[in-house]
Amino acid sequence: MVNWLLQKLIGTYHERERKRLWPTVEAISRLEPTIQPLSDAELRAKTDELRARLRASSASHTFITPSSPEWYELNHDERQTLRRERRRVQQQALQEILPEAFAVVR
């Protein structure tokens, strides 16, 4: 009874996930007509373009990584903060190209 009531109020996990992902699916579907007529060579070029855009967006940020000596001068909390910031920037860059990348693959 309680589970049924909660599902009616907030929805099932599947429904919430579908609602969250639906705008991305629609964006991919809108890009399909522009990607479909491309030849294999053009699709490869598009893939290279997406890789370049990813590199460019991450190149604008400089991060201290575990391979640099400065990393070991930081305490644990500072390292965690740097990891979170790096992850946030990477996720943002990936979210920007996600619909186009899926449209190319599709």
N, C-alpha and C. Protein backbone atom coordinates (compact mmCIF):
# COMPACT_ATOMS: atom_id res chain seq x y z
N MET A 1 0.82 -1.19 0.00
CA MET A 1 0.00 0.00 0.00
C MET A 1 0.87 1.26 0.00
N VAL A 2 1.89 1.28 0.85
CA VAL A 2 2.77 2.44 0.95
C VAL A 2 3.57 2.59 -0.34
N ASN A 3 4.08 1.47 -0.87
CA ASN A 3 4.84 1.52 -2.12
C ASN A 3 3.98 2.05 -3.26
N TRP A 4 2.76 1.60 -3.34
CA TRP A 4 1.84 2.04 -4.39
C TRP A 4 1.61 3.54 -4.28
N LEU A 5 1.41 4.02 -3.06
CA LEU A 5 1.17 5.44 -2.84
C LEU A 5 2.39 6.28 -3.23
N LEU A 6 3.58 5.81 -2.84
CA LEU A 6 4.81 6.52 -3.21
C LEU A 6 5.00 6.54 -4.72
N GLN A 7 4.72 5.43 -5.38
CA GLN A 7 4.85 5.38 -6.84
C GLN A 7 3.89 6.35 -7.52
N LYS A 8 2.72 6.49 -6.97
CA LYS A 8 1.75 7.43 -7.55
C LYS A 8 2.18 8.88 -7.31
N LEU A 9 2.79 9.15 -6.17
CA LEU A 9 3.20 10.51 -5.85
C LEU A 9 4.46 10.94 -6.58
N ILE A 10 5.51 10.12 -6.53
CA ILE A 10 6.78 10.53 -7.12
C ILE A 10 7.15 9.72 -8.35
N GLY A 11 6.41 8.69 -8.66
CA GLY A 11 6.69 7.89 -9.84
C GLY A 11 7.74 6.82 -9.56
N THR A 12 7.82 5.87 -10.45
CA THR A 12 8.81 4.81 -10.31
C THR A 12 10.16 5.35 -10.78
N TYR A 13 11.20 4.61 -10.47
CA TYR A 13 12.54 5.00 -10.90
C TYR A 13 12.59 5.12 -12.42
N HIS A 14 11.99 4.16 -13.10
CA HIS A 14 11.99 4.17 -14.57
C HIS A 14 11.31 5.43 -15.11
N GLU A 15 10.19 5.80 -14.55
CA GLU A 15 9.47 7.00 -15.01
C GLU A 15 10.29 8.27 -14.78
N ARG A 16 10.93 8.37 -13.62
CA ARG A 16 11.74 9.56 -13.33
C ARG A 16 12.95 9.63 -14.26
N GLU A 17 13.58 8.49 -14.50
CA GLU A 17 14.74 8.45 -15.40
C GLU A 17 14.33 8.81 -16.82
N ARG A 18 13.22 8.28 -17.28
CA ARG A 18 12.73 8.59 -18.62
C ARG A 18 12.43 10.07 -18.76
N LYS A 19 11.84 10.65 -17.74
CA LYS A 19 11.53 12.08 -17.76
C LYS A 19 12.81 12.91 -17.81
N ARG A 20 13.85 12.48 -17.09
CA ARG A 20 15.11 13.21 -17.07
C ARG A 20 15.84 13.11 -18.41
N LEU A 21 15.77 11.96 -19.06
CA LEU A 21 16.52 11.74 -20.30
C LEU A 21 15.77 12.16 -21.56
N TRP A 22 14.48 12.36 -21.47
CA TRP A 22 13.68 12.64 -22.67
C TRP A 22 14.13 13.88 -23.45
N PRO A 23 14.50 14.98 -22.82
CA PRO A 23 14.98 16.13 -23.61
C PRO A 23 16.23 15.81 -24.44
N THR A 24 17.11 14.99 -23.91
CA THR A 24 18.30 14.58 -24.66
C THR A 24 17.91 13.72 -25.85
N VAL A 25 16.98 12.81 -25.65
CA VAL A 25 16.51 11.95 -26.75
C VAL A 25 15.88 12.79 -27.85
N GLU A 26 15.10 13.78 -27.47
CA GLU A 26 14.48 14.66 -28.47
C GLU A 26 15.53 15.46 -29.23
N ALA A 27 16.56 15.93 -28.54
CA ALA A 27 17.64 16.68 -29.20
C ALA A 27 18.37 15.78 -30.21
N ILE A 28 18.60 14.54 -29.84
CA ILE A 28 19.25 13.59 -30.75
C ILE A 28 18.37 13.36 -31.98
N SER A 29 17.09 13.19 -31.76
CA SER A 29 16.16 12.95 -32.87
C SER A 29 16.07 14.15 -33.80
N ARG A 30 16.17 15.37 -33.25
CA ARG A 30 16.13 16.57 -34.09
C ARG A 30 17.38 16.68 -34.96
N LEU A 31 18.50 16.16 -34.48
CA LEU A 31 19.75 16.23 -35.25
C LEU A 31 19.84 15.16 -36.33
N GLU A 32 19.06 14.11 -36.21
CA GLU A 32 19.16 12.99 -37.14
C GLU A 32 19.01 13.37 -38.61
N PRO A 33 18.06 14.23 -39.00
CA PRO A 33 17.94 14.57 -40.43
C PRO A 33 19.18 15.28 -40.99
N THR A 34 19.92 16.00 -40.15
CA THR A 34 21.12 16.68 -40.65
C THR A 34 22.31 15.73 -40.74
N ILE A 35 22.31 14.69 -39.93
CA ILE A 35 23.42 13.74 -39.89
C ILE A 35 23.24 12.62 -40.91
N GLN A 36 22.01 12.22 -41.15
CA GLN A 36 21.71 11.06 -41.99
C GLN A 36 22.32 11.13 -43.40
N PRO A 37 22.29 12.27 -44.09
CA PRO A 37 22.84 12.28 -45.45
C PRO A 37 24.37 12.30 -45.53
N LEU A 38 25.07 12.38 -44.40
CA LEU A 38 26.52 12.44 -44.43
C LEU A 38 27.14 11.12 -44.86
N SER A 39 28.22 11.21 -45.62
CA SER A 39 28.93 10.01 -46.05
C SER A 39 29.80 9.49 -44.91
N ASP A 40 30.40 8.33 -45.12
CA ASP A 40 31.27 7.74 -44.09
C ASP A 40 32.45 8.66 -43.77
N ALA A 41 33.03 9.25 -44.80
CA ALA A 41 34.17 10.15 -44.58
C ALA A 41 33.74 11.39 -43.79
N GLU A 42 32.56 11.90 -44.10
CA GLU A 42 32.05 13.06 -43.37
C GLU A 42 31.73 12.72 -41.91
N LEU A 43 31.25 11.50 -41.68
CA LEU A 43 30.99 11.06 -40.31
C LEU A 43 32.29 10.93 -39.52
N ARG A 44 33.33 10.42 -40.17
CA ARG A 44 34.64 10.34 -39.51
C ARG A 44 35.15 11.75 -39.18
N ALA A 45 34.96 12.67 -40.11
CA ALA A 45 35.38 14.05 -39.88
C ALA A 45 34.57 14.66 -38.72
N LYS A 46 33.29 14.33 -38.66
CA LYS A 46 32.43 14.83 -37.58
C LYS A 46 32.93 14.29 -36.23
N THR A 47 33.34 13.02 -36.21
CA THR A 47 33.88 12.43 -34.99
C THR A 47 35.15 13.15 -34.57
N ASP A 48 36.02 13.44 -35.53
CA ASP A 48 37.25 14.18 -35.23
C ASP A 48 36.93 15.58 -34.71
N GLU A 49 35.90 16.19 -35.28
CA GLU A 49 35.48 17.52 -34.83
C GLU A 49 35.00 17.47 -33.37
N LEU A 50 34.23 16.44 -33.03
CA LEU A 50 33.74 16.31 -31.66
C LEU A 50 34.90 16.09 -30.69
N ARG A 51 35.87 15.28 -31.09
CA ARG A 51 37.06 15.07 -30.25
C ARG A 51 37.81 16.39 -30.04
N ALA A 52 37.94 17.16 -31.11
CA ALA A 52 38.64 18.44 -31.02
C ALA A 52 37.90 19.40 -30.09
N ARG A 53 36.58 19.41 -30.17
CA ARG A 53 35.79 20.27 -29.28
C ARG A 53 35.96 19.85 -27.82
N LEU A 54 36.03 18.55 -27.59
CA LEU A 54 36.25 18.06 -26.23
C LEU A 54 37.62 18.49 -25.70
N ARG A 55 38.64 18.33 -26.55
CA ARG A 55 39.98 18.75 -26.16
C ARG A 55 40.04 20.25 -25.89
N ALA A 56 39.38 21.03 -26.74
CA ALA A 56 39.40 22.49 -26.59
C ALA A 56 38.71 22.91 -25.29
N SER A 57 37.61 22.25 -24.95
CA SER A 57 36.91 22.64 -23.73
C SER A 57 37.70 22.25 -22.48
N SER A 58 38.44 21.15 -22.55
CA SER A 58 39.24 20.77 -21.38
C SER A 58 40.57 21.50 -21.35
N ALA A 59 41.03 22.01 -22.49
CA ALA A 59 42.30 22.74 -22.53
C ALA A 59 42.19 24.11 -21.87
N SER A 60 40.99 24.63 -21.80
CA SER A 60 40.82 25.95 -21.20
C SER A 60 40.97 25.90 -19.68
N HIS A 61 41.02 24.70 -19.11
CA HIS A 61 41.20 24.54 -17.67
C HIS A 61 42.52 23.82 -17.41
N THR A 62 43.22 24.28 -16.41
CA THR A 62 44.43 23.57 -16.00
C THR A 62 44.17 22.95 -14.64
N PHE A 63 44.46 21.68 -14.55
CA PHE A 63 44.20 20.95 -13.32
C PHE A 63 45.49 20.38 -12.76
N ILE A 64 45.55 20.34 -11.45
CA ILE A 64 46.65 19.65 -10.79
C ILE A 64 46.24 18.19 -10.70
N THR A 65 47.08 17.32 -11.20
CA THR A 65 46.78 15.89 -11.22
C THR A 65 47.73 15.14 -10.29
N PRO A 66 47.42 13.89 -9.98
CA PRO A 66 48.31 13.10 -9.12
C PRO A 66 49.72 12.93 -9.69
N SER A 67 49.91 13.16 -10.96
CA SER A 67 51.25 13.02 -11.53
C SER A 67 52.11 14.27 -11.32
N SER A 68 51.54 15.34 -10.80
CA SER A 68 52.32 16.55 -10.57
C SER A 68 52.74 16.65 -9.09
N PRO A 69 53.91 17.20 -8.82
CA PRO A 69 54.40 17.29 -7.43
C PRO A 69 53.51 18.14 -6.52
N GLU A 70 52.83 19.14 -7.09
CA GLU A 70 51.96 20.00 -6.27
C GLU A 70 50.83 19.21 -5.62
N TRP A 71 50.43 18.14 -6.27
CA TRP A 71 49.32 17.32 -5.78
C TRP A 71 49.60 16.84 -4.35
N TYR A 72 50.82 16.46 -4.09
CA TYR A 72 51.18 15.87 -2.80
C TYR A 72 51.39 16.90 -1.70
N GLU A 73 51.36 18.16 -2.08
CA GLU A 73 51.45 19.23 -1.09
C GLU A 73 50.08 19.60 -0.54
N LEU A 74 49.03 19.09 -1.17
CA LEU A 74 47.67 19.39 -0.75
C LEU A 74 47.17 18.38 0.27
N ASN A 75 46.25 18.83 1.12
CA ASN A 75 45.65 17.86 2.04
C ASN A 75 44.50 17.13 1.35
N HIS A 76 43.94 16.17 2.03
CA HIS A 76 42.91 15.32 1.44
C HIS A 76 41.70 16.12 0.95
N ASP A 77 41.23 17.06 1.74
CA ASP A 77 40.05 17.84 1.36
C ASP A 77 40.30 18.68 0.11
N GLU A 78 41.47 19.26 0.01
CA GLU A 78 41.81 20.04 -1.17
C GLU A 78 41.88 19.15 -2.42
N ARG A 79 42.41 17.95 -2.26
CA ARG A 79 42.46 17.02 -3.39
C ARG A 79 41.06 16.63 -3.83
N GLN A 80 40.19 16.37 -2.86
CA GLN A 80 38.81 16.02 -3.18
C GLN A 80 38.12 17.16 -3.93
N THR A 81 38.36 18.37 -3.50
CA THR A 81 37.77 19.54 -4.16
C THR A 81 38.26 19.63 -5.60
N LEU A 82 39.55 19.41 -5.81
CA LEU A 82 40.10 19.44 -7.17
C LEU A 82 39.52 18.32 -8.03
N ARG A 83 39.36 17.15 -7.46
CA ARG A 83 38.77 16.03 -8.21
C ARG A 83 37.34 16.36 -8.63
N ARG A 84 36.58 16.91 -7.69
CA ARG A 84 35.19 17.26 -8.01
C ARG A 84 35.10 18.33 -9.09
N GLU A 85 35.97 19.32 -9.01
CA GLU A 85 35.98 20.38 -10.02
C GLU A 85 36.35 19.83 -11.39
N ARG A 86 37.38 18.97 -11.44
CA ARG A 86 37.78 18.36 -12.70
C ARG A 86 36.64 17.52 -13.28
N ARG A 87 35.97 16.74 -12.43
CA ARG A 87 34.85 15.91 -12.88
C ARG A 87 33.70 16.77 -13.39
N ARG A 88 33.42 17.89 -12.71
CA ARG A 88 32.33 18.79 -13.13
C ARG A 88 32.61 19.37 -14.51
N VAL A 89 33.85 19.80 -14.73
CA VAL A 89 34.22 20.38 -16.02
C VAL A 89 34.14 19.33 -17.12
N GLN A 90 34.61 18.11 -16.83
CA GLN A 90 34.56 17.04 -17.82
C GLN A 90 33.11 16.67 -18.15
N GLN A 91 32.27 16.57 -17.14
CA GLN A 91 30.87 16.23 -17.38
C GLN A 91 30.16 17.32 -18.17
N GLN A 92 30.46 18.56 -17.89
CA GLN A 92 29.85 19.66 -18.63
C GLN A 92 30.25 19.61 -20.10
N ALA A 93 31.52 19.34 -20.37
CA ALA A 93 31.98 19.26 -21.75
C ALA A 93 31.32 18.09 -22.47
N LEU A 94 31.18 16.97 -21.80
CA LEU A 94 30.54 15.80 -22.42
C LEU A 94 29.05 16.05 -22.67
N GLN A 95 28.38 16.73 -21.73
CA GLN A 95 26.97 17.02 -21.91
C GLN A 95 26.72 17.92 -23.12
N GLU A 96 27.68 18.80 -23.41
CA GLU A 96 27.53 19.71 -24.55
C GLU A 96 27.54 18.97 -25.88
N ILE A 97 28.35 17.92 -25.98
CA ILE A 97 28.45 17.22 -27.26
C ILE A 97 27.63 15.94 -27.31
N LEU A 98 27.01 15.57 -26.21
CA LEU A 98 26.28 14.29 -26.13
C LEU A 98 25.24 14.10 -27.23
N PRO A 99 24.30 15.02 -27.44
CA PRO A 99 23.29 14.77 -28.48
C PRO A 99 23.89 14.61 -29.87
N GLU A 100 24.86 15.45 -30.18
CA GLU A 100 25.48 15.37 -31.51
C GLU A 100 26.25 14.07 -31.68
N ALA A 101 26.96 13.65 -30.63
CA ALA A 101 27.73 12.41 -30.70
C ALA A 101 26.80 11.20 -30.90
N PHE A 102 25.70 11.16 -30.17
CA PHE A 102 24.76 10.06 -30.33
C PHE A 102 24.09 10.08 -31.70
N ALA A 103 23.81 11.28 -32.21
CA ALA A 103 23.23 11.38 -33.55
C ALA A 103 24.20 10.85 -34.60
N VAL A 104 25.48 11.12 -34.44
CA VAL A 104 26.49 10.62 -35.39
C VAL A 104 26.57 9.10 -35.32
N VAL A 105 26.55 8.56 -34.13
CA VAL A 105 26.63 7.10 -33.96
C VAL A 105 25.39 6.42 -34.48
N ARG A 106 24.28 7.02 -34.30
CA ARG A 106 23.00 6.44 -34.69
C ARG A 106 22.93 6.33 -36.19
